[in-house]
Amino acid sequence: MAAILTHVKAWTYSEYGKTVDVLKFAHSVPLPSLKEDQVLIKVAAASLNPIDYKRTEGMFKDTDSPLPTVPGYDVAGVVVKVGSEVKKFKVGDEVYGDINENAVVHPKVIGSLSEYTAAEEKLLAHKPQNLTFAEAASLPLTIETAYEGLQQAGFSAGKSILVLGGAGGVGTHIIQLAKHVFGASKVAATSSTGKLELLRNLGADLPIDYTKENFEDLPEKFDVVYDAVGQTDRAFKALKEGGKVVTIVPPGFPPAIFFMLTSNGAILEKLRPYLESGKVTPILDPKSPFPFSQTVEAFSYLETGRATGKVVVHPIP
């Protein structure tokens, strides 16, 4: 079937704007031919990220791929075809990953909110056996971002960290990775009142209710502050001398370390033992998963900024 597959059902937009206005369901979207280093994936689940709706709104249209576009970076599914140079995967393998190596420079025209999508072998990893497709799809962009930021900050065992935005898609993974993979001596994290218990369960030693206290007024200071919400200007006030601020929210304010993720399946493979042992767990918003038919509603919910963990679309189609 995969050999003759030329068109797919998918969510698509042909002009920039708000997802609720421009995202439409299409019954027949042309599928580009498979490149030698790519695999074709029968999509089982996809997760949404803020980068998706920022792209839809035209925030980086100067470097975007031409419209019309099928959105979606994160995918989990089954390999149905492999390019001639692919070594790591075979037909039938369950895989997951962030299909766009560079988030804002020519991301794929056919993203993960489609029946099928293609991705380079190096961007994908084998799905951990204990995770559902929905759980696996929730991980790639956010867990890779969390890991890469900790690496960029030179985080290591025995250091302390403050996570700004601990209950979000990236924040829930920063807490877990800092504690259970990197060996943090202390993890503090901010969230609203109702999410403090989640932070504790993820491994935060000091959950901070940002509705009641300012983190920069705390007597305790930290080796690293990881800003996942855009409070870099305040983050420096919570640093120990010689500490580092890392952020994923532009513009980043030097000397903060600002970075954008380069998708890399090797990070997912490296974290596989932690995922399979349950030391690191996917966090799906209680409203997840949204069925494929409710993708627009899923975006609207993500855009409220109130999601806990990840918003996932499953099953597809």
Protein backbone atom coordinates (compact mmCIF):
# COMPACT_ATOMS: atom_id res chain seq x y z
CA MET A 1 0.00 0.00 0.00
CA ALA A 2 2.76 2.45 0.96
CA ALA A 3 4.43 1.98 -2.43
CA ILE A 4 1.49 3.52 -4.27
CA LEU A 5 0.46 6.05 -1.65
CA THR A 6 0.28 9.49 -3.30
CA HIS A 7 -2.38 11.43 -1.34
CA VAL A 8 -3.34 11.57 2.35
CA LYS A 9 -6.00 12.98 4.65
CA ALA A 10 -4.56 15.79 6.75
CA TRP A 11 -5.12 19.12 8.46
CA THR A 12 -3.77 21.92 6.32
CA TYR A 13 -3.64 25.69 5.91
CA SER A 14 -3.02 27.72 2.77
CA GLU A 15 -2.76 31.19 4.36
CA TYR A 16 -1.28 32.50 7.60
CA GLY A 17 -3.56 33.36 10.49
CA LYS A 18 -5.12 32.00 13.68
CA THR A 19 -5.53 28.21 13.64
CA VAL A 20 -9.26 28.52 14.32
CA ASP A 21 -9.59 30.58 11.11
CA VAL A 22 -7.14 28.93 8.68
CA LEU A 23 -6.75 25.25 9.65
CA LYS A 24 -8.96 23.04 7.46
CA PHE A 25 -9.41 19.30 7.00
CA ALA A 26 -8.37 18.06 3.55
CA HIS A 27 -9.24 14.65 2.09
CA SER A 28 -6.49 14.54 -0.53
CA VAL A 29 -3.14 16.19 0.17
CA PRO A 30 -0.24 15.20 -2.14
CA LEU A 31 2.53 13.29 -0.36
CA PRO A 32 6.09 14.19 -1.46
CA SER A 33 8.25 11.31 -2.69
CA LEU A 34 10.40 9.60 -0.06
CA LYS A 35 14.08 10.61 0.08
CA GLU A 36 16.89 8.06 0.49
CA ASP A 37 17.52 8.93 4.15
CA GLN A 38 13.84 9.05 5.14
CA VAL A 39 11.21 6.62 6.39
CA LEU A 40 7.51 6.87 5.68
CA ILE A 41 5.44 6.69 8.87
CA LYS A 42 1.81 5.68 9.29
CA VAL A 43 0.98 8.27 11.94
CA ALA A 44 -0.71 6.97 15.10
CA ALA A 45 -0.44 10.11 17.25
CA ALA A 46 0.90 13.65 17.13
CA SER A 47 1.42 16.27 19.80
CA LEU A 48 1.03 20.02 19.48
CA ASN A 49 3.62 22.61 20.45
CA PRO A 50 3.50 26.41 20.59
CA ILE A 51 5.85 26.48 17.58
CA ASP A 52 2.99 24.99 15.52
CA TYR A 53 0.59 27.89 16.04
CA LYS A 54 3.38 30.47 15.88
CA ARG A 55 4.26 29.06 12.47
CA THR A 56 0.59 29.10 11.42
CA GLU A 57 0.44 32.77 12.42
CA GLY A 58 3.38 33.51 10.10
CA MET A 59 5.92 34.36 12.80
CA PHE A 60 8.79 32.97 10.72
CA LYS A 61 7.32 33.10 7.23
CA ASP A 62 10.62 34.41 5.79
CA THR A 63 12.24 31.01 6.42
CA ASP A 64 9.12 28.82 6.29
CA SER A 65 8.41 26.26 3.58
CA PRO A 66 5.86 27.33 0.94
CA LEU A 67 2.16 27.05 1.70
CA PRO A 68 -0.08 25.06 1.81
CA THR A 69 1.26 23.30 4.89
CA VAL A 70 0.27 20.41 7.11
CA PRO A 71 1.38 21.37 10.65
CA GLY A 72 2.88 19.12 13.32
CA TYR A 73 6.42 18.45 14.55
CA ASP A 74 5.99 15.54 16.99
CA VAL A 75 5.00 12.12 15.69
CA ALA A 76 4.63 8.52 16.83
CA GLY A 77 3.71 5.75 14.44
CA VAL A 78 4.76 2.74 12.41
CA VAL A 79 7.32 2.60 9.58
CA VAL A 80 5.66 1.51 6.32
CA LYS A 81 8.49 2.25 3.88
CA VAL A 82 12.23 2.97 4.14
CA GLY A 83 14.56 4.94 1.89
CA SER A 84 17.51 3.17 0.27
CA GLU A 85 20.07 4.59 2.74
CA VAL A 86 18.13 3.85 5.95
CA LYS A 87 19.96 1.47 8.31
CA LYS A 88 18.33 1.87 11.73
CA PHE A 89 14.69 1.10 10.92
CA LYS A 90 12.70 -1.49 9.00
CA VAL A 91 9.07 -1.75 7.93
CA GLY A 92 6.89 -2.46 10.97
CA ASP A 93 9.10 -0.64 13.51
CA GLU A 94 7.32 1.62 15.99
CA VAL A 95 9.08 5.01 15.99
CA TYR A 96 8.77 8.53 17.34
CA GLY A 97 10.50 11.87 16.93
CA ASP A 98 10.42 15.55 16.05
CA ILE A 99 10.37 15.47 12.24
CA ASN A 100 11.90 18.94 11.70
CA GLU A 101 15.64 19.20 12.28
CA ASN A 102 15.50 22.99 12.41
CA ALA A 103 12.20 24.27 13.79
CA VAL A 104 12.02 27.51 11.82
CA VAL A 105 14.08 26.90 8.65
CA HIS A 106 12.09 25.09 5.95
CA PRO A 107 10.12 22.76 8.22
CA LYS A 108 8.31 19.97 6.39
CA VAL A 109 5.31 20.74 4.20
CA ILE A 110 3.63 17.52 5.38
CA GLY A 111 3.81 17.54 9.18
CA SER A 112 2.53 14.99 11.67
CA LEU A 113 -1.16 16.01 11.59
CA SER A 114 -1.59 13.70 8.63
CA GLU A 115 -2.32 10.01 8.01
CA TYR A 116 1.27 9.59 6.84
CA THR A 117 4.43 11.67 7.11
CA ALA A 118 8.09 11.21 6.19
CA ALA A 119 11.13 11.98 8.32
CA GLU A 120 14.88 11.53 8.19
CA GLU A 121 16.22 8.48 10.00
CA LYS A 122 18.48 10.59 12.26
CA LEU A 123 15.49 12.50 13.68
CA LEU A 124 13.70 9.36 14.88
CA ALA A 125 14.09 6.74 17.60
CA HIS A 126 12.51 3.41 18.45
CA LYS A 127 9.41 3.92 20.60
CA PRO A 128 9.92 2.75 24.20
CA GLN A 129 7.93 -0.47 24.55
CA ASN A 130 6.10 0.62 27.70
CA LEU A 131 4.69 3.81 26.15
CA THR A 132 1.50 4.16 24.14
CA PHE A 133 1.67 5.99 20.82
CA ALA A 134 -0.06 8.98 22.45
CA GLU A 135 2.51 9.06 25.27
CA ALA A 136 5.43 8.72 22.87
CA ALA A 137 4.11 11.46 20.59
CA SER A 138 4.01 13.83 23.56
CA LEU A 139 7.76 13.64 24.12
CA PRO A 140 10.18 14.48 21.30
CA LEU A 141 10.33 18.26 20.91
CA THR A 142 9.86 19.02 24.60
CA ILE A 143 12.09 16.34 26.13
CA GLU A 144 14.86 17.04 23.60
CA THR A 145 14.57 20.76 24.37
CA ALA A 146 14.74 20.10 28.12
CA TYR A 147 17.81 17.88 27.68
CA GLU A 148 19.61 20.22 25.29
CA GLY A 149 19.10 23.23 27.56
CA LEU A 150 20.54 21.39 30.56
CA GLN A 151 23.54 20.40 28.43
CA GLN A 152 24.02 23.97 27.19
CA ALA A 153 23.99 25.24 30.79
CA GLY A 154 26.64 22.68 31.76
CA PHE A 155 24.27 21.14 34.29
CA SER A 156 25.64 18.18 36.23
CA ALA A 157 25.23 16.11 39.38
CA GLY A 158 25.16 18.07 42.63
CA LYS A 159 24.04 21.36 41.09
CA SER A 160 20.79 23.17 41.91
CA ILE A 161 18.25 24.43 39.39
CA LEU A 162 15.19 26.68 39.26
CA VAL A 163 12.69 25.88 36.49
CA LEU A 164 10.44 28.74 35.39
CA GLY A 165 7.24 27.20 34.04
CA GLY A 166 7.52 23.79 35.66
CA ALA A 167 4.10 22.44 34.64
CA GLY A 168 4.36 23.12 30.90
CA GLY A 169 5.41 20.79 28.11
CA VAL A 170 9.12 21.55 28.47
CA GLY A 171 9.10 22.30 32.20
CA THR A 172 7.71 18.92 33.23
CA HIS A 173 10.71 17.31 31.50
CA ILE A 174 13.32 19.74 32.82
CA ILE A 175 12.31 18.83 36.37
CA GLN A 176 12.44 15.09 35.70
CA LEU A 177 15.69 15.12 33.72
CA ALA A 178 17.46 17.43 36.18
CA LYS A 179 16.47 15.20 39.09
CA HIS A 180 16.53 11.68 37.71
CA VAL A 181 19.03 11.84 34.82
CA PHE A 182 21.49 14.64 35.69
CA GLY A 183 21.41 14.13 39.49
CA ALA A 184 20.44 17.62 40.70
CA SER A 185 21.01 18.38 44.39
CA LYS A 186 17.89 20.56 44.47
CA VAL A 187 15.13 21.32 41.99
CA ALA A 188 12.84 24.34 42.44
CA ALA A 189 10.07 25.13 39.97
CA THR A 190 7.28 27.65 39.49
CA SER A 191 3.63 27.01 38.64
CA SER A 192 0.14 28.16 39.56
CA THR A 193 -1.46 26.92 42.80
CA GLY A 194 -3.30 23.93 41.35
CA LYS A 195 -0.18 22.45 39.75
CA LEU A 196 2.19 22.47 42.76
CA GLU A 197 1.41 18.84 43.60
CA LEU A 198 2.34 17.78 40.07
CA LEU A 199 5.71 19.53 40.45
CA ARG A 200 6.33 17.58 43.66
CA ASN A 201 5.40 14.31 42.00
CA LEU A 202 7.82 15.01 39.14
CA GLY A 203 10.71 15.52 41.56
CA ALA A 204 10.66 19.20 42.50
CA ASP A 205 12.00 19.75 46.04
CA LEU A 206 10.72 23.32 46.17
CA PRO A 207 7.49 24.05 44.26
CA ILE A 208 6.88 27.82 44.06
CA ASP A 209 3.40 29.28 43.59
CA TYR A 210 4.00 32.23 41.27
CA THR A 211 0.56 33.64 42.13
CA LYS A 212 1.69 34.13 45.75
CA GLU A 213 5.44 34.73 45.71
CA ASN A 214 8.16 36.05 43.44
CA PHE A 215 10.94 33.53 42.91
CA GLU A 216 13.59 36.26 42.84
CA ASP A 217 12.70 37.26 46.43
CA LEU A 218 13.60 33.83 47.81
CA PRO A 219 16.76 33.76 49.94
CA GLU A 220 17.98 30.67 48.10
CA LYS A 221 19.91 31.09 44.84
CA PHE A 222 20.62 28.50 42.14
CA ASP A 223 23.42 27.23 39.90
CA VAL A 224 21.12 27.23 36.87
CA VAL A 225 17.82 28.93 36.06
CA TYR A 226 16.00 27.35 33.08
CA ASP A 227 13.41 29.80 31.75
CA ALA A 228 10.64 28.11 29.76
CA VAL A 229 8.17 31.01 29.97
CA GLY A 230 10.00 34.24 29.10
CA GLN A 231 11.11 35.75 32.43
CA THR A 232 14.81 35.92 31.66
CA ASP A 233 15.18 39.48 32.92
CA ARG A 234 14.06 38.33 36.39
CA ALA A 235 15.90 35.01 36.25
CA PHE A 236 19.32 36.58 36.91
CA LYS A 237 18.15 37.69 40.37
CA ALA A 238 17.80 34.02 41.39
CA LEU A 239 21.31 32.99 40.30
CA LYS A 240 24.29 32.09 42.42
CA GLU A 241 27.51 33.87 41.51
CA GLY A 242 28.88 32.16 38.41
CA GLY A 243 25.52 30.56 37.65
CA LYS A 244 23.87 30.36 34.25
CA VAL A 245 20.47 31.26 32.82
CA VAL A 246 19.25 29.23 29.85
CA THR A 247 16.08 30.13 27.95
CA ILE A 248 14.01 28.96 24.99
CA VAL A 249 11.99 32.18 24.77
CA PRO A 250 13.34 34.90 22.46
CA PRO A 251 15.02 37.36 22.59
CA GLY A 252 16.93 35.86 25.53
CA PHE A 253 18.79 38.90 26.96
CA PRO A 254 22.56 38.18 27.06
CA PRO A 255 24.35 36.79 28.99
CA ALA A 256 21.51 34.26 29.09
CA ILE A 257 22.04 31.22 26.88
CA PHE A 258 19.27 31.30 24.28
CA PHE A 259 18.88 28.35 21.94
CA MET A 260 16.46 26.69 19.55
CA LEU A 261 16.39 22.93 19.40
CA THR A 262 18.08 20.94 16.65
CA SER A 263 15.97 17.77 16.53
CA ASN A 264 18.04 14.66 17.17
CA GLY A 265 16.80 11.09 17.54
CA ALA A 266 20.00 10.17 19.41
CA ILE A 267 18.75 12.12 22.45
CA LEU A 268 15.58 10.01 22.51
CA GLU A 269 17.63 6.80 22.24
CA LYS A 270 19.87 7.99 25.09
CA LEU A 271 16.83 8.64 27.30
CA ARG A 272 15.11 5.36 26.44
CA PRO A 273 16.32 3.47 29.58
CA TYR A 274 14.92 6.24 31.82
CA LEU A 275 11.59 6.15 29.99
CA GLU A 276 11.35 2.35 30.01
CA SER A 277 12.21 2.18 33.72
CA GLY A 278 9.58 4.81 34.54
CA LYS A 279 12.11 7.24 36.05
CA VAL A 280 11.03 9.77 33.42
CA THR A 281 7.37 9.80 32.41
CA PRO A 282 5.29 11.54 29.74
CA ILE A 283 2.87 14.13 31.11
CA LEU A 284 -0.30 14.49 29.06
CA ASP A 285 -2.84 17.18 29.82
CA PRO A 286 -6.01 15.64 31.34
CA LYS A 287 -7.97 16.79 28.26
CA SER A 288 -5.67 14.72 26.01
CA PRO A 289 -5.91 12.96 23.72
CA PHE A 290 -8.08 14.91 21.30
CA PRO A 291 -9.42 12.88 18.35
CA PHE A 292 -8.11 13.79 14.89
CA SER A 293 -11.45 15.41 14.05
CA GLN A 294 -10.96 17.87 16.96
CA THR A 295 -7.49 19.12 16.02
CA VAL A 296 -8.71 22.74 15.83
CA GLU A 297 -10.15 22.44 19.36
CA ALA A 298 -6.84 20.96 20.52
CA PHE A 299 -4.98 24.01 19.18
CA SER A 300 -7.47 26.39 20.77
CA TYR A 301 -6.90 24.70 24.13
CA LEU A 302 -3.09 24.82 23.77
CA GLU A 303 -3.31 28.50 22.86
CA THR A 304 -4.99 29.34 26.20
CA GLY A 305 -1.58 28.74 27.83
CA ARG A 306 -3.27 26.69 30.56
CA ALA A 307 -2.34 23.19 29.43
CA THR A 308 -0.51 20.93 31.88
CA GLY A 309 2.15 18.90 30.10
CA LYS A 310 1.26 18.09 26.52
CA VAL A 311 -1.76 18.29 24.22
CA VAL A 312 -1.91 15.16 22.05
CA VAL A 313 -3.99 14.23 18.99
CA HIS A 314 -4.83 10.49 18.82
CA PRO A 315 -5.94 8.35 17.10
CA ILE A 316 -5.00 9.49 13.59
CA PRO A 317 -7.04 9.35 11.47
